[in-house]
Amino acid sequence: MAGIRCARCNLKRFYKPLELREVIGNVTIDEVQGKVRCQNCGSREWMEAELFHPTGEQAHKIRFRRLVEIRWERRVIWRDEA
């Protein structure tokens, strides 16, 4: 289990490591800190990430953020020529 926390907002969210790997790539937990952004304040520099194994009671109380889908946007860019 991975916990990612914004030290500025004190917002902590929990993720499944396999889903994080699908979005971010095969990186270490230390590299995850630099690749995520807080959804509340938008900060990158205040992010902390850790891997841990929850105890029985913690495992029942923790709410995960689950990956639903990855969308790729297609943007059209135009250039004027003389």
N, C-alpha and C. Protein backbone atom coordinates (compact mmCIF):
# COMPACT_ATOMS: atom_id res chain seq x y z
N MET A 1 0.84 -1.16 0.00
CA MET A 1 0.00 0.00 0.00
C MET A 1 0.90 1.24 0.00
N ALA A 2 0.48 2.25 -0.71
CA ALA A 2 1.24 3.50 -0.79
C ALA A 2 0.40 4.64 -0.22
N GLY A 3 1.02 5.42 0.63
CA GLY A 3 0.38 6.61 1.17
C GLY A 3 1.10 7.84 0.65
N ILE A 4 0.37 8.76 0.07
CA ILE A 4 0.94 10.00 -0.44
C ILE A 4 0.29 11.15 0.30
N ARG A 5 1.14 12.03 0.85
CA ARG A 5 0.66 13.10 1.71
C ARG A 5 1.24 14.44 1.28
N CYS A 6 0.40 15.47 1.32
CA CYS A 6 0.87 16.84 1.10
C CYS A 6 1.14 17.43 2.48
N ALA A 7 2.37 17.79 2.75
CA ALA A 7 2.74 18.34 4.06
C ALA A 7 2.16 19.75 4.25
N ARG A 8 1.86 20.43 3.19
CA ARG A 8 1.30 21.78 3.29
C ARG A 8 -0.18 21.73 3.69
N CYS A 9 -0.97 20.87 3.04
CA CYS A 9 -2.41 20.76 3.31
C CYS A 9 -2.73 19.70 4.36
N ASN A 10 -1.79 18.83 4.64
CA ASN A 10 -1.98 17.67 5.51
C ASN A 10 -3.09 16.76 4.95
N LEU A 11 -3.11 16.60 3.64
CA LEU A 11 -4.06 15.75 2.96
C LEU A 11 -3.35 14.45 2.61
N LYS A 12 -3.87 13.31 3.06
CA LYS A 12 -3.23 12.03 2.81
C LYS A 12 -4.20 11.12 2.08
N ARG A 13 -3.70 10.49 1.02
CA ARG A 13 -4.49 9.58 0.22
C ARG A 13 -3.73 8.28 0.08
N PHE A 14 -4.48 7.18 -0.10
CA PHE A 14 -3.89 5.86 -0.17
C PHE A 14 -4.17 5.24 -1.54
N TYR A 15 -3.15 4.59 -2.09
CA TYR A 15 -3.22 4.01 -3.42
C TYR A 15 -2.69 2.58 -3.41
N LYS A 16 -3.14 1.79 -4.37
CA LYS A 16 -2.58 0.47 -4.61
C LYS A 16 -1.32 0.68 -5.46
N PRO A 17 -0.19 0.07 -5.07
CA PRO A 17 1.06 0.28 -5.82
C PRO A 17 0.98 -0.10 -7.30
N LEU A 18 0.25 -1.14 -7.64
CA LEU A 18 0.15 -1.53 -9.04
C LEU A 18 -0.56 -0.47 -9.88
N GLU A 19 -1.55 0.20 -9.30
CA GLU A 19 -2.24 1.26 -10.03
C GLU A 19 -1.36 2.50 -10.16
N LEU A 20 -0.58 2.80 -9.13
CA LEU A 20 0.37 3.92 -9.24
C LEU A 20 1.40 3.65 -10.32
N ARG A 21 1.87 2.41 -10.38
CA ARG A 21 2.87 2.06 -11.39
C ARG A 21 2.30 2.22 -12.80
N GLU A 22 1.02 1.92 -12.97
CA GLU A 22 0.40 2.06 -14.28
C GLU A 22 0.34 3.52 -14.72
N VAL A 23 0.13 4.43 -13.77
CA VAL A 23 0.00 5.85 -14.10
C VAL A 23 1.38 6.53 -14.18
N ILE A 24 2.23 6.29 -13.18
CA ILE A 24 3.50 7.01 -13.08
C ILE A 24 4.64 6.29 -13.78
N GLY A 25 4.59 4.97 -13.80
CA GLY A 25 5.67 4.17 -14.37
C GLY A 25 6.36 3.38 -13.28
N ASN A 26 7.31 2.57 -13.67
CA ASN A 26 8.02 1.71 -12.74
C ASN A 26 9.16 2.51 -12.09
N VAL A 27 8.83 3.23 -11.03
CA VAL A 27 9.80 4.07 -10.33
C VAL A 27 9.81 3.69 -8.85
N THR A 28 10.83 4.14 -8.14
CA THR A 28 10.89 3.89 -6.70
C THR A 28 9.94 4.83 -5.97
N ILE A 29 9.68 4.51 -4.72
CA ILE A 29 8.76 5.35 -3.93
C ILE A 29 9.33 6.75 -3.72
N ASP A 30 10.65 6.88 -3.69
CA ASP A 30 11.27 8.20 -3.55
C ASP A 30 11.05 9.05 -4.80
N GLU A 31 10.99 8.42 -5.95
CA GLU A 31 10.76 9.16 -7.19
C GLU A 31 9.29 9.55 -7.36
N VAL A 32 8.40 8.83 -6.70
CA VAL A 32 6.97 9.15 -6.77
C VAL A 32 6.71 10.54 -6.22
N GLN A 33 7.42 10.93 -5.17
CA GLN A 33 7.24 12.25 -4.54
C GLN A 33 7.39 13.38 -5.54
N GLY A 34 8.33 13.27 -6.46
CA GLY A 34 8.56 14.32 -7.43
C GLY A 34 7.62 14.30 -8.61
N LYS A 35 6.86 13.22 -8.77
CA LYS A 35 6.00 13.08 -9.94
C LYS A 35 4.52 13.33 -9.66
N VAL A 36 4.17 13.51 -8.40
CA VAL A 36 2.76 13.75 -8.06
C VAL A 36 2.56 15.20 -7.62
N ARG A 37 1.33 15.64 -7.72
CA ARG A 37 0.97 17.01 -7.36
C ARG A 37 -0.26 16.95 -6.46
N CYS A 38 -0.32 17.83 -5.48
CA CYS A 38 -1.48 17.88 -4.57
C CYS A 38 -2.68 18.41 -5.34
N GLN A 39 -3.81 17.72 -5.22
CA GLN A 39 -5.01 18.18 -5.91
C GLN A 39 -5.65 19.35 -5.20
N ASN A 40 -5.29 19.57 -3.95
CA ASN A 40 -5.88 20.66 -3.18
C ASN A 40 -5.15 21.98 -3.44
N CYS A 41 -3.81 21.99 -3.25
CA CYS A 41 -3.06 23.24 -3.39
C CYS A 41 -2.18 23.30 -4.64
N GLY A 42 -2.02 22.17 -5.34
CA GLY A 42 -1.23 22.16 -6.57
C GLY A 42 0.27 22.06 -6.36
N SER A 43 0.71 21.88 -5.14
CA SER A 43 2.13 21.86 -4.82
C SER A 43 2.77 20.52 -5.18
N ARG A 44 4.03 20.57 -5.62
CA ARG A 44 4.84 19.36 -5.85
C ARG A 44 5.90 19.20 -4.77
N GLU A 45 6.42 20.31 -4.30
CA GLU A 45 7.57 20.26 -3.38
C GLU A 45 7.20 19.81 -1.97
N TRP A 46 5.94 19.81 -1.61
CA TRP A 46 5.52 19.42 -0.27
C TRP A 46 5.07 17.97 -0.18
N MET A 47 5.16 17.23 -1.28
CA MET A 47 4.63 15.87 -1.31
C MET A 47 5.58 14.87 -0.65
N GLU A 48 4.98 13.93 0.09
CA GLU A 48 5.72 12.85 0.73
C GLU A 48 5.03 11.55 0.36
N ALA A 49 5.82 10.50 0.10
CA ALA A 49 5.25 9.21 -0.26
C ALA A 49 5.93 8.12 0.54
N GLU A 50 5.15 7.11 0.93
CA GLU A 50 5.71 5.99 1.68
C GLU A 50 4.96 4.71 1.34
N LEU A 51 5.66 3.60 1.42
CA LEU A 51 5.05 2.29 1.30
C LEU A 51 4.91 1.72 2.70
N PHE A 52 3.81 1.05 2.97
CA PHE A 52 3.63 0.45 4.29
C PHE A 52 2.65 -0.71 4.21
N HIS A 53 2.66 -1.54 5.22
CA HIS A 53 1.72 -2.66 5.34
C HIS A 53 0.78 -2.35 6.49
N PRO A 54 -0.49 -2.16 6.21
CA PRO A 54 -1.44 -1.81 7.27
C PRO A 54 -1.74 -3.00 8.18
N THR A 55 -2.02 -2.70 9.43
CA THR A 55 -2.45 -3.73 10.36
C THR A 55 -3.89 -4.10 10.04
N GLY A 56 -4.42 -5.10 10.70
CA GLY A 56 -5.79 -5.55 10.42
C GLY A 56 -6.82 -4.46 10.57
N GLU A 57 -6.75 -3.69 11.65
CA GLU A 57 -7.72 -2.63 11.87
C GLU A 57 -7.56 -1.50 10.87
N GLN A 58 -6.31 -1.13 10.57
CA GLN A 58 -6.08 -0.06 9.59
C GLN A 58 -6.59 -0.46 8.21
N ALA A 59 -6.41 -1.71 7.85
CA ALA A 59 -6.80 -2.16 6.51
C ALA A 59 -8.30 -2.02 6.28
N HIS A 60 -9.10 -2.12 7.32
CA HIS A 60 -10.55 -1.98 7.17
C HIS A 60 -11.00 -0.52 7.16
N LYS A 61 -10.22 0.38 7.74
CA LYS A 61 -10.61 1.79 7.81
C LYS A 61 -10.11 2.63 6.64
N ILE A 62 -9.06 2.18 5.98
CA ILE A 62 -8.45 2.97 4.91
C ILE A 62 -9.33 2.96 3.67
N ARG A 63 -9.51 4.15 3.10
CA ARG A 63 -10.22 4.30 1.83
C ARG A 63 -9.19 4.56 0.74
N PHE A 64 -9.23 3.74 -0.29
CA PHE A 64 -8.28 3.86 -1.39
C PHE A 64 -8.82 4.77 -2.48
N ARG A 65 -7.90 5.38 -3.20
CA ARG A 65 -8.26 6.03 -4.45
C ARG A 65 -7.98 5.00 -5.53
N ARG A 66 -9.00 4.65 -6.28
CA ARG A 66 -8.85 3.61 -7.29
C ARG A 66 -8.81 4.22 -8.68
N LEU A 67 -8.01 3.62 -9.54
CA LEU A 67 -7.87 4.07 -10.92
C LEU A 67 -9.08 3.61 -11.71
N VAL A 68 -9.78 4.54 -12.32
CA VAL A 68 -10.97 4.22 -13.10
C VAL A 68 -10.59 4.12 -14.57
N GLU A 69 -9.93 5.16 -15.08
CA GLU A 69 -9.51 5.14 -16.48
C GLU A 69 -8.42 6.18 -16.70
N ILE A 70 -7.69 6.00 -17.77
CA ILE A 70 -6.69 6.98 -18.20
C ILE A 70 -7.16 7.53 -19.53
N ARG A 71 -7.34 8.84 -19.58
CA ARG A 71 -7.81 9.48 -20.81
C ARG A 71 -6.65 10.23 -21.46
N TRP A 72 -6.54 10.07 -22.74
CA TRP A 72 -5.56 10.83 -23.52
C TRP A 72 -6.34 11.85 -24.33
N GLU A 73 -5.98 13.11 -24.17
CA GLU A 73 -6.65 14.17 -24.91
C GLU A 73 -5.97 14.40 -26.23
N ARG A 74 -6.78 14.64 -27.21
CA ARG A 74 -6.26 14.97 -28.53
C ARG A 74 -6.51 16.45 -28.75
N ARG A 75 -5.45 17.21 -28.94
CA ARG A 75 -5.58 18.65 -29.14
C ARG A 75 -5.11 19.01 -30.54
N VAL A 76 -5.85 19.90 -31.15
CA VAL A 76 -5.51 20.37 -32.48
C VAL A 76 -4.79 21.70 -32.34
N ILE A 77 -3.62 21.82 -32.97
CA ILE A 77 -2.83 23.05 -32.92
C ILE A 77 -2.67 23.55 -34.36
N TRP A 78 -3.00 24.81 -34.54
CA TRP A 78 -2.95 25.40 -35.87
C TRP A 78 -1.80 26.39 -35.98
N ARG A 79 -1.29 26.55 -37.18
CA ARG A 79 -0.25 27.53 -37.46
C ARG A 79 -0.66 28.27 -38.72
N ASP A 80 -0.56 29.60 -38.69
CA ASP A 80 -0.88 30.43 -39.85
C ASP A 80 0.34 30.56 -40.72
N GLU A 81 0.15 30.35 -42.01
CA GLU A 81 1.24 30.53 -42.97
C GLU A 81 0.89 31.65 -43.93
N ALA A 82 1.89 32.36 -44.32
CA ALA A 82 1.67 33.49 -45.22
C ALA A 82 1.62 33.06 -46.66
